[in-house]
Amino acid sequence: MEILIRNAKFIITMDAKGRVLKGGSIVIRDGKIEAVDKDEEVIRRWGKNFEEVIDASGMIAMPGLIQSHVHLIQTAFRGLAEDLPLLEWLKARILPLETALTPSEVYYSSLLGCIELLKSGTTAVFDFGSLKHLEMVFKAMYDSGIRGVSGKILMDKGDELCQGVVEGYEEGIREGLRIKEKWCKGRLGFAFSPRFALSCTEECLREVAHVAKEHGVRIHTHAAESLEEVEEVKKRSGLRNIEYLNRLGLTGENVVIAHCIWIDDVEMGILARTRTNVVHCPSTNLKLGSGVAKVPLMLKRGINVAIGADGAPCNNSLDVFWEIRLASLLQKGLNLDPKVMPAKEAIKMATLNGARAMGLESSIGCLEVGRRADVILIKLDKAHLSPFTELHDPYSLIYSLKGSDVAYTIVDGKIVVREGTIVTVDEEKVVKEINKIALRLIEQTG
């Protein structure tokens, strides 16, 4: 589809030059960005004859936002696992709930997550995936129009924590590679997702590290999220969390690790040296009482830190603007320094850094010619965004923006949200199905 976005009040490009255009336009053809320039220059060169012309007067255009750690299948569990610490939250609620989902329920739960994400400005996700019925997650991403990488969860350690929610790692790896061949094309990609050190044997972790490199796919896992988890890993392995994963080959540019709150200087050095990606999930880490990651220090050490909302039952919202704002404000308060995490740096975590974490740094994350056309338009005619003039710093909007301010979401050159309404799927039907699913889960799992 050919799209002309005209006369945006500002275009935040996040490109290498850090351009912010006033009165700019964007040309989209064949899923790619063909021009980002001043309005008059674009019209002079390209004219106005496009299949779709969007008048972006009074709007800001910016790259579609990227969340590098989400659990789509958990969206149906919103409100069903409240006020619990991490390991109890997993053992008592999340693992039983995930196990209880049927294929259809995995689909609708994942689809609801995609709808919420797209409507609030997220165009790409690195989803943690599922142990069972993973193809339903891919179908939901495909149907919704979101760009996504999802993973085959690996859990082969049948101890008390996992409560029998296990699968042999050889079988899991075979199934993952089968799904990769079927679904990994276009805007969808595949990863392996060993849940965390306590749920996987050493053999599983070593083998998935080898297979992932052999097949050129990414690894997505959790580590150092809570003190209890760190102590248990050290008790079992004699090593701290990141040291243990590194010994088994689960560090490197193809590895994405969520949380990394409780890491020491040695572990931070490992992450920096191996160029391992980290994902900060501020809301979840606060709600579960896990702590706050040392993001400014990681960034200073050259570690790529992206951002994620994690899952609905440990966050209750998938609104990335809330995560960006919180990521900035938390560090200012903890470090007693209002300059420590500026707005632009926080936005970078949800754009360029997220693209790098997903292995898509040459395709998405900024608005420049040749990139895939993942774009969002934000309406400024709201009381909570006013006043806003040409003299204001557009990055400062992250301190007041909400997902509901997004008017258009464009993924791969296709409009998936128009005037705040998702156009790819029937949202009303999905919400009705989810309410039925939630009632069944409550009855089954208590």
Protein backbone atom coordinates (compact mmCIF):
# COMPACT_ATOMS: atom_id res chain seq x y z
CA MET A 1 0.00 0.00 0.00
CA GLU A 2 1.16 3.54 -0.78
CA ILE A 3 0.69 5.89 2.16
CA LEU A 4 1.49 9.56 2.54
CA ILE A 5 1.55 10.90 6.10
CA ARG A 6 1.28 14.67 5.73
CA ASN A 7 1.99 17.68 7.85
CA ALA A 8 2.85 16.05 11.18
CA LYS A 9 3.47 18.64 13.87
CA PHE A 10 6.70 16.81 14.73
CA ILE A 11 8.43 13.70 13.41
CA ILE A 12 10.68 12.07 15.99
CA THR A 13 12.94 9.98 13.74
CA MET A 14 15.34 8.41 16.30
CA ASP A 15 17.78 8.16 13.38
CA ALA A 16 21.58 8.42 13.67
CA LYS A 17 21.39 12.22 13.40
CA GLY A 18 18.66 12.44 15.98
CA ARG A 19 16.46 14.49 13.67
CA VAL A 20 13.21 15.97 14.88
CA LEU A 21 11.29 17.52 11.99
CA LYS A 22 8.65 20.19 12.34
CA GLY A 23 5.90 20.06 9.76
CA GLY A 24 7.19 16.82 8.25
CA SER A 25 5.83 14.09 5.99
CA ILE A 26 6.54 10.39 5.49
CA VAL A 27 6.20 8.38 2.28
CA ILE A 28 5.54 4.64 2.61
CA ARG A 29 5.67 2.19 -0.32
CA ASP A 30 5.80 -1.61 -0.38
CA GLY A 31 6.14 -1.77 3.39
CA LYS A 32 9.17 0.51 3.50
CA ILE A 33 9.85 4.15 4.26
CA GLU A 34 10.78 5.97 1.05
CA ALA A 35 11.00 9.51 2.38
CA VAL A 36 11.08 11.42 5.68
CA ASP A 37 11.37 15.14 5.08
CA LYS A 38 9.82 18.54 5.39
CA ASP A 39 6.25 18.58 4.15
CA GLU A 40 6.87 20.95 1.25
CA GLU A 41 9.90 18.95 0.04
CA VAL A 42 8.00 15.65 0.08
CA ILE A 43 5.04 17.12 -1.82
CA ARG A 44 7.39 18.72 -4.37
CA ARG A 45 9.15 15.41 -5.05
CA TRP A 46 6.32 12.91 -4.60
CA GLY A 47 3.08 14.78 -5.13
CA LYS A 48 -0.16 13.91 -3.36
CA ASN A 49 -1.49 10.96 -5.36
CA PHE A 50 -1.33 8.05 -2.94
CA GLU A 51 -3.72 5.22 -2.13
CA GLU A 52 -4.02 6.67 1.36
CA VAL A 53 -3.22 10.17 2.58
CA ILE A 54 -3.25 10.72 6.34
CA ASP A 55 -3.50 14.30 7.50
CA ALA A 56 -1.32 14.28 10.60
CA SER A 57 -1.93 17.91 11.53
CA GLY A 58 -1.75 18.21 15.29
CA MET A 59 -0.07 14.81 15.61
CA ILE A 60 3.39 13.51 16.35
CA ALA A 61 4.85 10.73 14.19
CA MET A 62 7.47 8.44 15.67
CA PRO A 63 8.84 4.92 15.22
CA GLY A 64 6.55 2.13 16.31
CA LEU A 65 7.52 1.14 19.82
CA ILE A 66 9.20 -2.17 20.59
CA GLN A 67 8.64 -4.31 23.67
CA SER A 68 11.39 -6.87 24.05
CA HIS A 69 9.82 -8.97 26.80
CA VAL A 70 6.12 -9.87 26.91
CA HIS A 71 4.06 -12.99 27.65
CA LEU A 72 1.13 -12.88 25.26
CA ILE A 73 -0.47 -16.09 26.50
CA GLN A 74 -0.75 -14.62 30.01
CA THR A 75 -3.10 -11.81 28.98
CA ALA A 76 -6.13 -13.85 30.05
CA PHE A 77 -4.65 -14.06 33.57
CA ARG A 78 -4.91 -10.32 34.24
CA GLY A 79 -6.04 -9.90 37.84
CA LEU A 80 -5.67 -13.62 38.66
CA ALA A 81 -2.26 -13.59 40.36
CA GLU A 82 -2.11 -10.59 42.63
CA ASP A 83 0.27 -9.53 45.40
CA LEU A 84 2.65 -12.49 45.34
CA PRO A 85 6.47 -12.70 45.18
CA LEU A 86 8.02 -14.13 42.02
CA LEU A 87 8.55 -17.83 42.81
CA GLU A 88 5.23 -18.19 44.64
CA TRP A 89 3.53 -16.25 41.83
CA LEU A 90 4.92 -18.76 39.33
CA LYS A 91 4.30 -21.90 41.37
CA ALA A 92 0.86 -21.12 42.76
CA ARG A 93 -0.73 -19.25 39.86
CA ILE A 94 1.08 -18.76 36.55
CA LEU A 95 2.32 -22.27 35.74
CA PRO A 96 -1.03 -23.91 36.61
CA LEU A 97 -2.88 -21.27 34.57
CA GLU A 98 -0.59 -21.68 31.54
CA THR A 99 -0.96 -25.45 31.71
CA ALA A 100 -4.76 -25.16 31.81
CA LEU A 101 -5.06 -23.26 28.50
CA THR A 102 -6.52 -25.06 25.49
CA PRO A 103 -5.23 -24.25 21.97
CA SER A 104 -8.18 -21.92 21.34
CA GLU A 105 -7.59 -20.17 24.65
CA VAL A 106 -3.91 -19.67 23.88
CA TYR A 107 -5.00 -18.02 20.64
CA TYR A 108 -7.54 -15.64 22.19
CA SER A 109 -5.31 -14.74 25.13
CA SER A 110 -2.44 -13.94 22.77
CA LEU A 111 -4.73 -12.06 20.40
CA LEU A 112 -6.06 -9.89 23.22
CA GLY A 113 -2.47 -9.01 24.12
CA CYS A 114 -1.71 -8.08 20.51
CA ILE A 115 -4.80 -5.84 20.35
CA GLU A 116 -3.83 -3.98 23.51
CA LEU A 117 -0.24 -3.60 22.35
CA LEU A 118 -1.10 -2.34 18.88
CA LYS A 119 -3.72 0.12 20.11
CA SER A 120 -1.22 1.62 22.55
CA GLY A 121 1.61 2.09 20.06
CA THR A 122 3.64 -1.13 20.25
CA THR A 123 4.38 -2.41 16.74
CA ALA A 124 6.90 -5.16 17.57
CA VAL A 125 7.25 -7.63 20.42
CA PHE A 126 9.73 -10.21 21.57
CA ASP A 127 7.22 -12.62 23.09
CA PHE A 128 8.31 -15.33 25.49
CA GLY A 129 6.01 -17.85 23.83
CA SER A 130 4.49 -21.04 25.20
CA LEU A 131 5.36 -24.54 26.32
CA LYS A 132 2.29 -25.94 24.56
CA HIS A 133 0.22 -24.82 21.57
CA LEU A 134 2.88 -22.32 20.42
CA GLU A 135 1.45 -22.22 16.91
CA MET A 136 -1.63 -20.48 18.32
CA VAL A 137 0.61 -17.63 19.51
CA PHE A 138 2.03 -17.28 16.01
CA LYS A 139 -1.46 -17.36 14.52
CA ALA A 140 -2.55 -14.56 16.87
CA MET A 141 0.44 -12.41 15.92
CA TYR A 142 -0.17 -13.07 12.24
CA ASP A 143 -3.89 -12.28 12.40
CA SER A 144 -3.44 -9.11 14.45
CA GLY A 145 -0.81 -7.61 12.16
CA ILE A 146 1.86 -7.11 14.84
CA ARG A 147 5.55 -7.73 14.18
CA GLY A 148 6.72 -10.42 16.55
CA VAL A 149 9.27 -12.97 17.56
CA SER A 150 7.93 -15.72 19.81
CA GLY A 151 9.60 -18.61 21.54
CA LYS A 152 9.34 -22.29 22.35
CA ILE A 153 9.47 -22.48 26.13
CA LEU A 154 11.79 -25.15 27.46
CA MET A 155 11.23 -26.60 30.96
CA ASP A 156 12.70 -30.05 31.54
CA LYS A 157 13.40 -29.94 35.28
CA GLY A 158 10.52 -31.59 37.12
CA ASP A 159 11.13 -30.28 40.62
CA GLU A 160 8.66 -28.86 43.13
CA LEU A 161 8.65 -25.39 41.52
CA CYS A 162 7.62 -26.63 38.08
CA GLN A 163 4.96 -29.01 39.49
CA GLY A 164 5.29 -31.45 36.62
CA VAL A 165 5.03 -28.73 33.96
CA VAL A 166 7.88 -30.29 32.02
CA GLU A 167 8.85 -31.53 28.59
CA GLY A 168 11.97 -33.35 27.46
CA TYR A 169 14.34 -30.81 25.96
CA GLU A 170 15.06 -32.90 22.86
CA GLU A 171 11.35 -33.00 22.07
CA GLY A 172 11.02 -29.29 22.80
CA ILE A 173 13.89 -28.35 20.51
CA ARG A 174 12.53 -30.52 17.68
CA GLU A 175 9.09 -28.95 18.03
CA GLY A 176 10.61 -25.48 18.09
CA LEU A 177 12.54 -26.03 14.89
CA ARG A 178 9.43 -27.40 13.18
CA ILE A 179 7.46 -24.27 14.14
CA LYS A 180 10.35 -22.07 13.02
CA GLU A 181 10.26 -23.55 9.54
CA LYS A 182 6.51 -23.12 9.28
CA TRP A 183 6.08 -19.61 10.72
CA CYS A 184 9.41 -17.76 10.59
CA LYS A 185 8.87 -15.49 7.60
CA GLY A 186 8.01 -11.87 6.89
CA ARG A 187 7.24 -10.00 10.10
CA LEU A 188 7.32 -13.14 12.30
CA GLY A 189 10.42 -14.70 13.83
CA PHE A 190 11.33 -17.55 16.16
CA ALA A 191 13.38 -17.94 19.35
CA PHE A 192 14.04 -20.57 22.00
CA SER A 193 12.81 -19.64 25.50
CA PRO A 194 14.39 -21.69 28.30
CA ARG A 195 12.26 -20.30 31.13
CA PHE A 196 15.03 -19.72 33.65
CA ALA A 197 17.90 -21.54 35.31
CA LEU A 198 15.72 -23.22 37.94
CA SER A 199 13.40 -24.83 35.37
CA CYS A 200 16.03 -26.32 33.05
CA THR A 201 18.74 -28.95 33.39
CA GLU A 202 22.33 -28.12 32.45
CA GLU A 203 22.00 -30.48 29.48
CA CYS A 204 18.98 -28.54 28.23
CA LEU A 205 20.70 -25.17 28.52
CA ARG A 206 23.91 -26.35 26.85
CA GLU A 207 22.03 -27.94 23.97
CA VAL A 208 19.72 -25.01 23.30
CA ALA A 209 22.74 -22.66 23.25
CA HIS A 210 24.33 -24.91 20.60
CA VAL A 211 21.18 -25.37 18.50
CA ALA A 212 20.31 -21.66 18.56
CA LYS A 213 23.71 -20.71 17.17
CA GLU A 214 23.58 -23.51 14.60
CA HIS A 215 20.21 -22.33 13.28
CA GLY A 216 20.80 -18.59 13.67
CA VAL A 217 17.96 -17.95 16.11
CA ARG A 218 17.77 -16.02 19.36
CA ILE A 219 17.48 -17.19 22.94
CA HIS A 220 15.07 -15.45 25.32
CA THR A 221 15.21 -16.15 29.05
CA HIS A 222 14.84 -14.68 32.55
CA ALA A 223 17.59 -14.20 35.12
CA ALA A 224 18.37 -12.48 38.42
CA GLU A 225 14.79 -11.29 38.83
CA SER A 226 14.52 -11.87 42.59
CA LEU A 227 16.89 -12.42 45.50
CA GLU A 228 15.24 -15.75 46.29
CA GLU A 229 15.88 -16.94 42.73
CA VAL A 230 19.54 -15.81 42.82
CA GLU A 231 20.13 -17.58 46.14
CA GLU A 232 18.54 -20.79 44.85
CA VAL A 233 20.63 -20.78 41.65
CA LYS A 234 23.80 -20.29 43.71
CA LYS A 235 22.77 -23.07 46.09
CA ARG A 236 22.32 -25.50 43.20
CA SER A 237 25.19 -24.47 40.92
CA GLY A 238 27.69 -22.68 43.13
CA LEU A 239 27.51 -19.68 40.79
CA ARG A 240 25.56 -16.48 40.51
CA ASN A 241 22.86 -16.39 37.86
CA ILE A 242 24.68 -14.72 34.94
CA GLU A 243 27.91 -16.59 35.71
CA TYR A 244 25.99 -19.86 35.50
CA LEU A 245 24.29 -19.01 32.21
CA ASN A 246 27.59 -17.82 30.75
CA ARG A 247 29.31 -21.08 31.70
CA LEU A 248 26.63 -22.96 29.77
CA GLY A 249 26.81 -20.73 26.67
CA LEU A 250 23.69 -18.66 27.27
CA THR A 251 25.24 -15.24 26.76
CA GLY A 252 26.04 -13.38 23.55
CA GLU A 253 24.53 -11.09 20.95
CA ASN A 254 21.78 -13.62 20.16
CA VAL A 255 20.71 -13.84 23.83
CA VAL A 256 18.03 -11.64 25.44
CA ILE A 257 17.72 -11.78 29.23
CA ALA A 258 14.79 -10.19 31.02
CA HIS A 259 15.23 -8.39 34.36
CA CYS A 260 18.89 -8.72 35.55
CA ILE A 261 18.09 -6.85 38.77
CA TRP A 262 20.34 -8.69 41.20
CA ILE A 263 23.65 -8.83 39.35
CA ASP A 264 27.07 -7.88 40.69
CA ASP A 265 29.97 -6.15 38.97
CA VAL A 266 31.41 -9.42 37.66
CA GLU A 267 28.10 -10.36 36.06
CA MET A 268 27.70 -6.90 34.58
CA GLY A 269 31.14 -7.33 33.06
CA ILE A 270 30.07 -10.65 31.52
CA LEU A 271 26.99 -9.04 29.97
CA ALA A 272 29.06 -6.17 28.56
CA ARG A 273 31.89 -8.36 27.24
CA THR A 274 29.55 -10.87 25.56
CA ARG A 275 27.22 -8.14 24.22
CA THR A 276 24.23 -9.87 25.79
CA ASN A 277 20.94 -7.96 25.60
CA VAL A 278 19.00 -7.07 28.76
CA VAL A 279 15.31 -6.13 29.03
CA HIS A 280 14.12 -3.82 31.80
CA CYS A 281 10.53 -4.40 33.02
CA PRO A 282 9.99 -1.69 35.63
CA SER A 283 6.28 -2.15 36.43
CA THR A 284 6.55 -5.90 36.88
CA ASN A 285 9.67 -5.65 39.01
CA LEU A 286 7.87 -3.22 41.32
CA LYS A 287 4.60 -5.15 41.49
CA LEU A 288 6.29 -8.44 42.36
CA GLY A 289 8.50 -6.68 44.88
CA SER A 290 11.59 -7.86 43.04
CA GLY A 291 13.62 -4.64 42.95
CA VAL A 292 14.90 -2.16 40.39
CA ALA A 293 17.58 -2.88 37.79
CA LYS A 294 20.68 -0.67 37.62
CA VAL A 295 19.86 0.51 34.11
CA PRO A 296 22.04 3.65 33.93
CA LEU A 297 25.07 1.65 35.06
CA MET A 298 24.38 -1.07 32.49
CA LEU A 299 24.03 1.51 29.73
CA LYS A 300 27.26 3.16 30.85
CA ARG A 301 29.01 -0.22 30.56
CA GLY A 302 27.80 -0.53 26.96
CA ILE A 303 25.09 -3.13 27.62
CA ASN A 304 22.11 -2.91 25.30
CA VAL A 305 19.06 -2.42 27.54
CA ALA A 306 15.59 -2.60 25.98
CA ILE A 307 12.19 -2.34 27.65
CA GLY A 308 9.17 -4.59 28.17
CA ALA A 309 5.85 -4.75 29.97
CA ASP A 310 6.29 -8.47 30.75
CA GLY A 311 2.82 -9.98 31.25
CA ALA A 312 -0.66 -8.80 32.21
CA PRO A 313 -0.82 -10.78 35.49
CA CYS A 314 2.36 -9.15 36.86
CA ASN A 315 1.75 -5.71 35.40
CA ASN A 316 -1.94 -5.40 34.51
CA SER A 317 -1.13 -3.09 31.61
CA LEU A 318 0.79 -3.57 28.36
CA ASP A 319 1.02 0.19 27.75
CA VAL A 320 4.64 0.84 26.77
CA PHE A 321 4.37 4.58 27.42
CA TRP A 322 3.82 3.78 31.08
CA GLU A 323 6.97 1.61 31.07
CA ILE A 324 9.05 4.30 29.35
CA ARG A 325 7.91 6.94 31.83
CA LEU A 326 8.48 4.70 34.82
CA ALA A 327 11.91 3.62 33.58
CA SER A 328 12.97 7.27 33.53
CA LEU A 329 11.36 8.37 36.79
CA LEU A 330 12.58 5.40 38.84
CA GLN A 331 16.20 6.07 38.04
CA LYS A 332 15.90 9.79 38.73
CA GLY A 333 14.52 9.05 42.18
CA LEU A 334 16.91 6.23 43.06
CA ASN A 335 19.98 8.15 41.91
CA LEU A 336 18.80 11.52 43.26
CA ASP A 337 19.62 12.95 39.85
CA PRO A 338 16.98 14.33 37.43
CA LYS A 339 19.46 14.04 34.55
CA VAL A 340 20.32 10.37 34.97
CA MET A 341 17.70 8.93 32.60
CA PRO A 342 16.58 11.64 30.17
CA ALA A 343 13.41 11.21 28.14
CA LYS A 344 15.27 10.62 24.87
CA GLU A 345 17.33 7.80 26.41
CA ALA A 346 14.18 6.14 27.76
CA ILE A 347 12.53 6.32 24.32
CA LYS A 348 15.66 4.83 22.78
CA MET A 349 15.20 1.76 24.99
CA ALA A 350 11.80 1.20 23.35
CA THR A 351 12.98 1.84 19.80
CA LEU A 352 16.60 1.38 18.71
CA ASN A 353 17.61 -0.76 21.70
CA GLY A 354 14.55 -2.94 21.25
CA ALA A 355 15.31 -3.42 17.57
CA ARG A 356 18.83 -4.55 18.45
CA ALA A 357 17.54 -6.98 21.10
CA MET A 358 15.24 -8.55 18.49
CA GLY A 359 18.05 -8.76 15.94
CA LEU A 360 16.25 -6.25 13.71
CA GLU A 361 18.48 -3.20 14.18
CA SER A 362 18.83 -2.70 10.41
CA SER A 363 15.07 -2.97 9.78
CA ILE A 364 13.09 -1.16 12.48
CA GLY A 365 13.57 1.16 15.45
CA CYS A 366 13.81 4.49 13.65
CA LEU A 367 12.22 6.42 10.80
CA GLU A 368 14.69 6.59 7.94
CA VAL A 369 14.67 5.69 4.27
CA GLY A 370 14.90 1.95 3.65
CA ARG A 371 13.58 0.84 7.02
CA ARG A 372 10.39 -1.17 7.37
CA ALA A 373 7.43 1.17 7.85
CA ASP A 374 6.52 0.68 11.51
CA VAL A 375 5.07 4.07 12.44
CA ILE A 376 2.69 5.46 15.04
CA LEU A 377 0.78 8.75 15.07
CA ILE A 378 -0.14 10.38 18.38
CA LYS A 379 -2.90 12.95 18.78
CA LEU A 380 -1.96 15.98 20.83
CA ASP A 381 -5.43 17.50 21.29
CA LYS A 382 -5.84 16.17 24.83
CA ALA A 383 -6.00 18.06 28.11
CA HIS A 384 -3.20 15.99 29.66
CA LEU A 385 -0.89 16.78 26.70
CA SER A 386 -1.57 20.52 26.69
CA PRO A 387 -0.01 22.95 26.30
CA PHE A 388 2.27 21.76 23.53
CA THR A 389 3.77 24.17 21.02
CA GLU A 390 6.58 24.25 18.48
CA LEU A 391 8.85 25.48 21.28
CA HIS A 392 8.35 22.44 23.48
CA ASP A 393 10.75 19.48 23.55
CA PRO A 394 8.80 16.63 21.87
CA TYR A 395 10.69 13.97 23.86
CA SER A 396 9.19 15.41 27.04
CA LEU A 397 5.81 14.03 25.98
CA ILE A 398 6.77 10.62 27.36
CA TYR A 399 6.13 11.98 30.85
CA SER A 400 2.44 12.49 30.02
CA LEU A 401 1.60 10.21 27.06
CA LYS A 402 -0.83 7.29 27.37
CA GLY A 403 -1.43 4.44 25.00
CA SER A 404 -4.91 5.76 24.37
CA ASP A 405 -3.36 8.83 22.71
CA VAL A 406 -2.29 6.70 19.72
CA ALA A 407 -4.47 7.41 16.69
CA TYR A 408 -2.74 5.32 13.99
CA THR A 409 -0.51 2.28 14.17
CA ILE A 410 1.19 1.16 10.97
CA VAL A 411 3.13 -2.12 10.81
CA ASP A 412 5.13 -3.13 7.76
CA GLY A 413 3.38 -0.42 5.77
CA LYS A 414 -0.15 -1.57 6.68
CA ILE A 415 -2.59 0.36 8.85
CA VAL A 416 -3.64 -1.89 11.72
CA VAL A 417 -5.09 0.80 14.02
CA ARG A 418 -7.10 3.65 12.49
CA GLU A 419 -8.40 6.51 14.65
CA GLY A 420 -7.85 4.39 17.74
CA THR A 421 -9.72 1.33 16.41
CA ILE A 422 -8.01 -1.92 15.48
CA VAL A 423 -9.00 -2.91 11.95
CA THR A 424 -7.41 -6.36 11.58
CA VAL A 425 -9.52 -8.34 14.07
CA ASP A 426 -12.85 -8.11 15.89
CA GLU A 427 -11.93 -6.67 19.30
CA GLU A 428 -15.44 -7.03 20.73
CA LYS A 429 -15.53 -10.75 19.92
CA VAL A 430 -12.09 -11.30 21.46
CA VAL A 431 -13.07 -9.54 24.71
CA LYS A 432 -16.22 -11.70 25.00
CA GLU A 433 -14.19 -14.87 24.49
CA ILE A 434 -11.57 -13.80 27.04
CA ASN A 435 -14.21 -13.22 29.72
CA LYS A 436 -15.47 -16.78 29.17
CA ILE A 437 -11.92 -18.11 29.37
CA ALA A 438 -11.19 -16.23 32.59
CA LEU A 439 -14.30 -17.64 34.26
CA ARG A 440 -13.33 -21.18 33.28
CA LEU A 441 -9.77 -20.71 34.55
CA ILE A 442 -10.99 -19.37 37.87
CA GLU A 443 -13.31 -22.34 38.30
CA GLN A 444 -10.62 -24.86 37.32
CA THR A 445 -7.59 -23.45 39.16
CA GLY A 446 -9.28 -21.57 41.99
